[in-house]
């Protein structure tokens, strides 16, 4: 705890993913030095007997400094592995003339610890026309504008488009339009760039969130396996059809993944959906309080959210998180308004704010605004608060 506190005071963790090696070494040296001095003062004031030898304290400092420095030099790769689902491709769109974008693409591929995939390169004269189509039809994790300062006015609408959708945007300019995204100064290779982010940007906290997801989902899969086995047996004994229901969903930045649930509806329920759509209680996301396709055992599984236990596997794989906006269907995303697409800018989860605010009482737009509010105000503390509020809802059968 002392080392983490010292690191926070010295702002070590704010620069792990962008600082020069010399800065990492200097900050780590100061942290280890102050920490070792604190250990010496601790044993002096408490009058510990026997005291730690000077040889031990010297070796402690040397090993501490060497190992922490080695770890932090590789922190980009470690943080990226947790944050981006164990190294899945990071999709980037480059905007600028051919010479600039070619040079930038080569620099990104050579210097980035992530699996960079250049989805498209767009001339600045065509970006306002081309970007809306790319954002709606392709996976786009980030858009980088590398353009001359005098051409800023030509891409202002494109910048505002990215901001509205919540796409992380980088630009190498000193004149900027008014945008609501969080603005930070980063380094891309040796070049300073300004980053606009309408989604959480704290890589260390996001890495902790991912680590938490891995630990909790792995433990939960083991601990809850008897309940899962009982549910599977009941589904098998009370009707024909598969035990597990699989359905393609949209995840982080539009990535497609297969969502798993215990089957709670009759076989062929998707085929019956068109005949029931006129009864839906929501405009875009299909919702029926008394869906005739749900089986008797399915209603019980849904009441206590047991049908969602297989999604812990999705969490462990990195498709989902414990807390986050619920993963939508592809056809739902295609009907989103532009501002609603911003909810795709965070990994989907098992529960979120809507789960503790009365999901059934929220209309579709209120639901979307609630998810976006979660993204705008995200923190580890907020996740914990949602988890603690979700548990009594599940135990009382009020989660659905």
Protein backbone atom coordinates (compact mmCIF):
# COMPACT_ATOMS: atom_id res chain seq x y z
CA UNK A 1 0.00 0.00 0.00
CA UNK A 2 2.88 2.35 0.79
CA UNK A 3 4.51 1.74 -2.59
CA UNK A 4 1.23 2.37 -4.44
CA UNK A 5 0.68 5.56 -2.43
CA UNK A 6 4.21 6.77 -3.24
CA UNK A 7 3.68 5.92 -6.91
CA UNK A 8 0.47 7.93 -6.98
CA UNK A 9 2.10 10.91 -5.26
CA UNK A 10 5.00 10.85 -7.72
CA UNK A 11 2.53 10.38 -10.65
CA UNK A 12 4.36 7.24 -11.77
CA UNK A 13 1.25 5.46 -13.04
CA UNK A 14 0.06 8.34 -15.22
CA UNK A 15 2.92 7.94 -17.70
CA UNK A 16 3.55 4.21 -17.88
CA UNK A 17 2.16 3.89 -21.42
CA UNK A 18 3.80 6.99 -22.95
CA UNK A 19 6.85 8.10 -20.92
CA UNK A 20 10.43 7.97 -22.13
CA UNK A 21 12.60 5.21 -20.55
CA UNK A 22 14.68 7.82 -18.71
CA UNK A 23 11.56 9.22 -17.06
CA UNK A 24 10.41 5.74 -16.02
CA UNK A 25 13.81 5.03 -14.47
CA UNK A 26 13.93 8.38 -12.64
CA UNK A 27 10.42 8.03 -11.17
CA UNK A 28 11.01 4.42 -10.18
CA UNK A 29 14.31 5.31 -8.50
CA UNK A 30 12.60 8.03 -6.43
CA UNK A 31 9.73 5.72 -5.47
CA UNK A 32 12.08 2.94 -4.33
CA UNK A 33 14.37 5.38 -2.49
CA UNK A 34 11.51 7.00 -0.57
CA UNK A 35 10.00 3.59 0.12
CA UNK A 36 13.24 2.21 1.54
CA UNK A 37 13.67 5.32 3.72
CA UNK A 38 10.10 4.79 4.97
CA UNK A 39 11.00 1.19 5.95
CA UNK A 40 14.04 2.45 7.88
CA UNK A 41 11.95 5.08 9.71
CA UNK A 42 9.22 2.51 10.38
CA UNK A 43 11.60 0.13 12.21
CA UNK A 44 13.29 3.04 14.02
CA UNK A 45 10.12 4.56 15.47
CA UNK A 46 8.67 1.17 16.38
CA UNK A 47 12.02 0.14 17.89
CA UNK A 48 11.97 -3.25 16.21
CA UNK A 49 14.40 -5.76 17.64
CA UNK A 50 16.34 -7.14 15.93
CA UNK A 51 16.54 -4.38 13.29
CA UNK A 52 16.96 -5.06 9.59
CA UNK A 53 20.61 -5.12 8.59
CA UNK A 54 22.09 -2.52 6.26
CA UNK A 55 23.00 -5.32 3.84
CA UNK A 56 19.38 -6.45 3.69
CA UNK A 57 18.12 -2.89 3.18
CA UNK A 58 20.69 -2.29 0.43
CA UNK A 59 19.77 -5.49 -1.40
CA UNK A 60 16.07 -4.70 -0.90
CA UNK A 61 16.52 -1.33 -2.62
CA UNK A 62 18.58 -2.77 -5.49
CA UNK A 63 16.20 -5.63 -6.24
CA UNK A 64 13.15 -3.41 -5.82
CA UNK A 65 14.51 -0.82 -8.26
CA UNK A 66 15.71 -3.37 -10.83
CA UNK A 67 12.53 -5.46 -10.89
CA UNK A 68 10.12 -2.49 -10.90
CA UNK A 69 12.06 -0.85 -13.74
CA UNK A 70 12.05 -4.07 -15.76
CA UNK A 71 8.31 -4.47 -15.18
CA UNK A 72 7.51 -0.87 -16.15
CA UNK A 73 9.55 -1.00 -19.33
CA UNK A 74 7.19 -3.80 -20.40
CA UNK A 75 4.04 -2.30 -18.88
CA UNK A 76 2.64 -1.24 -22.27
CA UNK A 77 2.45 -4.84 -23.42
CA UNK A 78 0.98 -6.04 -20.12
CA UNK A 79 -1.64 -3.28 -19.93
CA UNK A 80 -2.52 -3.79 -23.58
CA UNK A 81 -2.99 -7.52 -23.07
CA UNK A 82 -5.54 -7.00 -20.30
CA UNK A 83 -7.24 -3.93 -21.75
CA UNK A 84 -7.65 -5.18 -25.30
CA UNK A 85 -8.57 -8.80 -24.63
CA UNK A 86 -5.17 -10.49 -24.67
CA UNK A 87 -3.77 -8.82 -27.77
CA UNK A 88 -6.68 -8.79 -30.23
CA UNK A 89 -6.11 -6.47 -33.24
CA UNK A 90 -6.45 -2.74 -32.60
CA UNK A 91 -8.26 -1.18 -35.56
CA UNK A 92 -7.20 2.32 -36.63
CA UNK A 93 -8.41 4.66 -39.37
CA UNK A 94 -5.88 7.25 -40.61
CA UNK A 95 -6.97 10.58 -42.07
CA UNK A 96 -4.55 12.68 -44.13
CA UNK A 97 -2.72 12.81 -47.43
CA UNK A 98 -1.00 9.69 -48.75
CA UNK A 99 2.52 10.75 -47.73
CA UNK A 100 1.54 11.53 -44.12
CA UNK A 101 -0.63 8.45 -43.55
CA UNK A 102 1.95 6.09 -45.09
CA UNK A 103 4.67 7.44 -42.80
CA UNK A 104 2.39 7.28 -39.76
CA UNK A 105 1.26 3.71 -40.54
CA UNK A 106 4.87 2.54 -40.74
CA UNK A 107 5.67 4.26 -37.42
CA UNK A 108 2.66 2.68 -35.72
CA UNK A 109 3.47 -0.83 -36.88
CA UNK A 110 7.12 -0.46 -35.90
CA UNK A 111 6.69 1.11 -32.48
CA UNK A 112 3.40 -0.10 -31.03
CA UNK A 113 3.21 -3.04 -28.58
CA UNK A 114 -0.30 -3.82 -29.83
CA UNK A 115 -1.41 -5.69 -32.95
CA UNK A 116 -2.14 -2.63 -35.06
CA UNK A 117 -4.48 -3.07 -38.02
CA UNK A 118 -4.96 -0.07 -40.32
CA UNK A 119 -8.61 -0.45 -41.29
CA UNK A 120 -8.55 2.40 -43.81
CA UNK A 121 -6.69 5.53 -44.88
CA UNK A 122 -8.90 8.46 -45.83
CA UNK A 123 -7.85 11.71 -47.55
CA UNK A 124 -8.87 14.74 -45.49
CA UNK A 125 -10.91 16.04 -48.42
CA UNK A 126 -13.13 12.94 -48.32
CA UNK A 127 -13.30 12.17 -44.58
CA UNK A 128 -16.66 13.90 -43.94
CA UNK A 129 -18.21 11.68 -46.60
CA UNK A 130 -16.31 8.44 -45.92
CA UNK A 131 -15.98 8.32 -42.10
CA UNK A 132 -19.75 7.92 -41.33
CA UNK A 133 -19.82 4.78 -43.49
CA UNK A 134 -16.62 3.38 -41.97
CA UNK A 135 -17.83 3.93 -38.40
CA UNK A 136 -21.14 2.20 -39.07
CA UNK A 137 -19.80 -0.77 -41.07
CA UNK A 138 -16.30 -1.45 -39.68
CA UNK A 139 -14.68 -2.03 -36.31
CA UNK A 140 -12.94 1.26 -35.47
CA UNK A 141 -11.07 1.59 -32.19
CA UNK A 142 -9.37 4.87 -33.01
CA UNK A 143 -9.20 7.57 -35.70
CA UNK A 144 -5.95 9.48 -36.15
CA UNK A 145 -5.94 12.79 -38.06
CA UNK A 146 -2.51 13.67 -39.45
CA UNK A 147 -3.18 16.84 -41.42
CA UNK A 148 -1.77 20.30 -41.96
CA UNK A 149 -2.97 23.00 -39.56
CA UNK A 150 -4.47 25.12 -42.32
CA UNK A 151 -6.79 22.24 -43.28
CA UNK A 152 -8.43 21.96 -39.87
CA UNK A 153 -11.65 23.59 -41.08
CA UNK A 154 -12.05 20.83 -43.67
CA UNK A 155 -12.25 18.07 -41.02
CA UNK A 156 -14.13 19.81 -38.20
CA UNK A 157 -17.38 17.99 -39.04
CA UNK A 158 -15.50 14.67 -39.08
CA UNK A 159 -14.02 15.41 -35.64
CA UNK A 160 -17.44 16.21 -34.24
CA UNK A 161 -18.80 13.01 -35.80
CA UNK A 162 -16.15 10.93 -34.01
CA UNK A 163 -16.83 12.78 -30.76
CA UNK A 164 -20.59 12.14 -31.03
CA UNK A 165 -20.04 8.42 -31.57
CA UNK A 166 -17.50 8.23 -28.75
CA UNK A 167 -14.59 7.11 -30.93
CA UNK A 168 -11.14 7.81 -29.49
CA UNK A 169 -9.55 10.45 -31.73
CA UNK A 170 -5.99 11.70 -32.05
CA UNK A 171 -4.87 14.81 -33.94
CA UNK A 172 -1.50 16.50 -34.41
CA UNK A 173 -2.82 20.07 -34.41
CA UNK A 174 -2.75 23.03 -32.03
CA UNK A 175 -6.08 24.53 -33.16
CA UNK A 176 -9.11 22.50 -32.06
CA UNK A 177 -12.91 22.61 -32.37
CA UNK A 178 -15.02 22.56 -29.23
CA UNK A 179 -15.61 18.96 -28.22
CA UNK A 180 -16.95 17.24 -25.10
CA UNK A 181 -14.33 14.46 -25.11
CA UNK A 182 -11.59 14.35 -22.48
CA UNK A 183 -8.45 15.95 -23.88
CA UNK A 184 -4.97 14.66 -23.02
CA UNK A 185 -1.49 15.15 -24.42
CA UNK A 186 0.21 11.86 -25.34
CA UNK A 187 3.19 10.71 -27.35
CA UNK A 188 2.96 8.70 -30.53
CA UNK A 189 6.50 7.52 -31.00
CA UNK A 190 8.50 10.74 -30.52
CA UNK A 191 5.72 13.05 -31.70
CA UNK A 192 3.36 14.79 -29.24
CA UNK A 193 -0.33 14.33 -30.10
CA UNK A 194 -3.60 15.43 -28.54
CA UNK A 195 -6.05 12.65 -27.71
CA UNK A 196 -9.81 13.10 -27.54
CA UNK A 197 -11.52 10.35 -25.60
CA UNK A 198 -15.25 10.09 -24.96
CA UNK A 199 -14.69 6.75 -23.22
CA UNK A 200 -12.53 5.87 -20.16
CA UNK A 201 -8.86 6.54 -20.81
CA UNK A 202 -7.19 5.38 -17.58
CA UNK A 203 -5.25 2.36 -18.86
CA UNK A 204 -4.13 1.24 -15.40
CA UNK A 205 -7.68 1.27 -13.98
CA UNK A 206 -8.99 -0.50 -17.08
CA UNK A 207 -6.28 -3.15 -16.66
CA UNK A 208 -7.36 -3.63 -13.02
CA UNK A 209 -10.98 -3.93 -14.21
CA UNK A 210 -9.95 -6.64 -16.69
CA UNK A 211 -7.93 -8.50 -14.04
CA UNK A 212 -10.95 -8.34 -11.72
CA UNK A 213 -13.14 -9.78 -14.49
CA UNK A 214 -10.76 -12.69 -15.03
CA UNK A 215 -10.50 -13.58 -11.35
CA UNK A 216 -14.22 -13.20 -10.55
CA UNK A 217 -15.47 -15.05 -13.64
CA UNK A 218 -13.03 -17.95 -13.10
CA UNK A 219 -13.97 -18.31 -9.43
CA UNK A 220 -17.70 -17.91 -10.15
CA UNK A 221 -17.62 -20.58 -12.86
CA UNK A 222 -16.19 -23.03 -10.32
CA UNK A 223 -18.30 -22.04 -7.30
CA UNK A 224 -21.58 -21.83 -9.23
CA UNK A 225 -21.01 -24.98 -11.29
CA UNK A 226 -23.49 -27.06 -9.17
CA UNK A 227 -26.24 -24.51 -9.86
CA UNK A 228 -25.32 -24.43 -13.53
CA UNK A 229 -25.38 -28.23 -13.71
CA UNK A 230 -28.81 -28.34 -12.03
CA UNK A 231 -30.17 -25.73 -14.46
CA UNK A 232 -28.81 -27.65 -17.44
CA UNK A 233 -30.41 -30.87 -16.17
CA UNK A 234 -33.80 -29.18 -15.66
CA UNK A 235 -33.74 -27.72 -19.17
CA UNK A 236 -32.89 -31.12 -20.63
CA UNK A 237 -35.59 -32.95 -18.65
CA UNK A 238 -38.40 -30.47 -19.37
CA UNK A 239 -38.14 -30.32 -23.13
CA UNK A 240 -36.20 -31.01 -26.29
CA UNK A 241 -33.59 -28.76 -27.76
CA UNK A 242 -30.11 -27.55 -26.81
CA UNK A 243 -29.29 -26.57 -23.25
CA UNK A 244 -27.14 -23.60 -24.30
CA UNK A 245 -28.54 -20.78 -26.42
CA UNK A 246 -26.02 -19.05 -28.68
CA UNK A 247 -26.57 -15.66 -30.28
CA UNK A 248 -24.24 -13.22 -32.10
CA UNK A 249 -23.92 -9.91 -30.26
CA UNK A 250 -21.97 -6.67 -30.70
CA UNK A 251 -19.18 -5.99 -28.23
CA UNK A 252 -16.45 -3.39 -27.75
CA UNK A 253 -16.43 -0.94 -30.69
CA UNK A 254 -18.74 -3.22 -32.67
CA UNK A 255 -16.73 -6.46 -32.39
CA UNK A 256 -18.92 -9.50 -33.01
CA UNK A 257 -18.89 -12.36 -30.52
CA UNK A 258 -21.06 -15.34 -29.64
CA UNK A 259 -23.04 -14.80 -26.43
CA UNK A 260 -23.97 -17.87 -24.36
CA UNK A 261 -27.05 -18.31 -22.16
CA UNK A 262 -29.06 -21.19 -20.79
CA UNK A 263 -31.98 -21.68 -23.16
CA UNK A 264 -35.09 -20.16 -21.58
CA UNK A 265 -37.34 -20.13 -24.66
CA UNK A 266 -38.94 -22.75 -26.86
CA UNK A 267 -36.96 -24.12 -29.80
CA UNK A 268 -37.35 -21.85 -32.82
CA UNK A 269 -38.10 -18.73 -30.75
CA UNK A 270 -36.17 -16.47 -33.16
CA UNK A 271 -38.43 -17.55 -35.99
CA UNK A 272 -41.49 -16.46 -33.98
CA UNK A 273 -40.08 -12.99 -33.26
CA UNK A 274 -41.41 -11.24 -36.43
CA UNK A 275 -44.99 -12.17 -35.46
CA UNK A 276 -44.53 -10.56 -32.02
CA UNK A 277 -42.56 -7.42 -32.89
CA UNK A 278 -45.71 -5.27 -33.04
CA UNK A 279 -46.24 -6.07 -29.33
CA UNK A 280 -42.74 -4.96 -28.28
CA UNK A 281 -42.66 -2.56 -25.34
CA UNK A 282 -39.56 -0.82 -26.71
CA UNK A 283 -38.97 0.97 -29.97
CA UNK A 284 -35.69 -0.68 -31.00
CA UNK A 285 -34.67 -3.39 -28.51
CA UNK A 286 -37.36 -6.10 -28.50
CA UNK A 287 -38.96 -6.48 -25.07
CA UNK A 288 -42.10 -8.29 -23.88
CA UNK A 289 -42.87 -8.59 -20.17
CA UNK A 290 -44.92 -11.74 -20.78
CA UNK A 291 -43.19 -13.29 -23.75
CA UNK A 292 -45.16 -16.40 -24.85
CA UNK A 293 -41.96 -18.02 -26.13
CA UNK A 294 -40.47 -18.34 -22.62
CA UNK A 295 -40.77 -21.82 -21.11
CA UNK A 296 -41.99 -22.47 -17.58
CA UNK A 297 -38.51 -23.40 -16.38
CA UNK A 298 -37.16 -20.47 -18.39
CA UNK A 299 -39.22 -17.98 -16.40
CA UNK A 300 -37.71 -19.29 -13.18
CA UNK A 301 -34.18 -19.18 -14.62
CA UNK A 302 -34.70 -15.61 -15.79
CA UNK A 303 -36.20 -14.46 -12.51
CA UNK A 304 -32.95 -15.20 -10.66
CA UNK A 305 -30.64 -14.51 -13.66
CA UNK A 306 -29.50 -18.14 -13.68
CA UNK A 307 -29.93 -18.19 -17.46
CA UNK A 308 -27.00 -15.75 -17.70
CA UNK A 309 -24.45 -17.91 -15.85
CA UNK A 310 -22.82 -19.12 -19.12
CA UNK A 311 -21.94 -15.50 -19.87
CA UNK A 312 -19.25 -15.80 -17.23
CA UNK A 313 -17.38 -17.70 -19.95
CA UNK A 314 -17.78 -14.65 -22.21
CA UNK A 315 -16.31 -12.53 -19.39
CA UNK A 316 -13.36 -14.88 -18.94
CA UNK A 317 -12.69 -14.84 -22.70
CA UNK A 318 -12.70 -11.04 -22.79
CA UNK A 319 -15.86 -10.62 -24.87
CA UNK A 320 -17.67 -9.08 -21.89
CA UNK A 321 -17.05 -7.58 -18.46
CA UNK A 322 -18.79 -8.05 -15.11
CA UNK A 323 -20.09 -4.46 -15.33
CA UNK A 324 -20.89 -2.65 -18.57
CA UNK A 325 -23.68 -1.90 -21.05
CA UNK A 326 -25.58 -4.99 -22.14
CA UNK A 327 -24.42 -6.38 -25.52
CA UNK A 328 -26.91 -5.47 -28.26
CA UNK A 329 -27.99 -7.44 -31.32
CA UNK A 330 -26.57 -6.42 -34.69
CA UNK A 331 -29.98 -5.40 -36.03
CA UNK A 332 -30.49 -3.17 -32.99
CA UNK A 333 -27.16 -1.40 -33.56
CA UNK A 334 -28.08 -0.79 -37.20
CA UNK A 335 -31.14 1.16 -36.00
CA UNK A 336 -29.22 3.24 -33.43
CA UNK A 337 -29.10 7.00 -33.76
CA UNK A 338 -25.56 8.33 -33.99
CA UNK A 339 -25.34 9.38 -30.33
CA UNK A 340 -26.58 5.96 -29.21
CA UNK A 341 -23.63 4.20 -30.88
CA UNK A 342 -21.41 5.68 -28.20
CA UNK A 343 -22.51 2.94 -25.78
CA UNK A 344 -20.41 0.53 -27.86
CA UNK A 345 -17.24 2.28 -26.70
CA UNK A 346 -16.93 0.15 -23.58
CA UNK A 347 -16.83 -3.61 -23.16
CA UNK A 348 -20.39 -4.95 -22.57
CA UNK A 349 -21.23 -6.42 -19.19
CA UNK A 350 -23.45 -8.72 -17.17
CA UNK A 351 -24.93 -5.80 -15.23
CA UNK A 352 -24.93 -2.01 -15.38
CA UNK A 353 -26.72 1.05 -14.05
CA UNK A 354 -30.02 0.08 -15.67
CA UNK A 355 -30.05 -3.14 -13.62
CA UNK A 356 -30.24 -1.21 -10.35
CA UNK A 357 -32.46 1.61 -11.65
CA UNK A 358 -35.37 -0.53 -12.81
CA UNK A 359 -34.66 -1.77 -16.33
CA UNK A 360 -38.29 -2.52 -17.14
CA UNK A 361 -39.34 1.01 -16.13
CA UNK A 362 -36.90 2.72 -18.53
CA UNK A 363 -37.82 3.54 -22.11
CA UNK A 364 -35.24 2.92 -24.81
CA UNK A 365 -33.75 6.42 -24.92
CA UNK A 366 -33.52 6.55 -21.13
CA UNK A 367 -31.77 3.18 -21.21
CA UNK A 368 -29.23 4.49 -23.76
CA UNK A 369 -28.63 7.68 -21.75
CA UNK A 370 -28.08 5.60 -18.62
CA UNK A 371 -25.42 3.51 -20.36
CA UNK A 372 -23.69 6.61 -21.72
CA UNK A 373 -23.79 8.18 -18.25
CA UNK A 374 -22.04 5.05 -16.94
CA UNK A 375 -19.29 5.46 -19.57
CA UNK A 376 -18.88 9.19 -18.87
CA UNK A 377 -18.61 8.66 -15.10
CA UNK A 378 -16.87 5.28 -15.06
CA UNK A 379 -14.53 4.37 -12.21
CA UNK A 380 -13.62 1.22 -10.31
CA UNK A 381 -15.61 2.59 -7.39
CA UNK A 382 -18.72 2.92 -9.60
CA UNK A 383 -18.32 -0.70 -10.74
CA UNK A 384 -18.16 -1.88 -7.13
CA UNK A 385 -21.24 0.16 -6.27
CA UNK A 386 -23.20 -1.40 -9.14
CA UNK A 387 -22.10 -4.93 -8.20
CA UNK A 388 -23.13 -4.46 -4.57
CA UNK A 389 -26.52 -3.09 -5.63
CA UNK A 390 -27.05 -5.86 -8.19
CA UNK A 391 -26.58 -8.75 -5.73
CA UNK A 392 -29.79 -8.11 -3.72
CA UNK A 393 -31.73 -7.59 -6.97
CA UNK A 394 -30.62 -11.03 -8.19
CA UNK A 395 -31.32 -12.78 -4.88
CA UNK A 396 -34.78 -11.18 -4.71
CA UNK A 397 -35.58 -12.12 -8.30
CA UNK A 398 -35.79 -8.50 -9.50
CA UNK A 399 -32.85 -8.52 -11.94
CA UNK A 400 -35.05 -8.90 -15.05
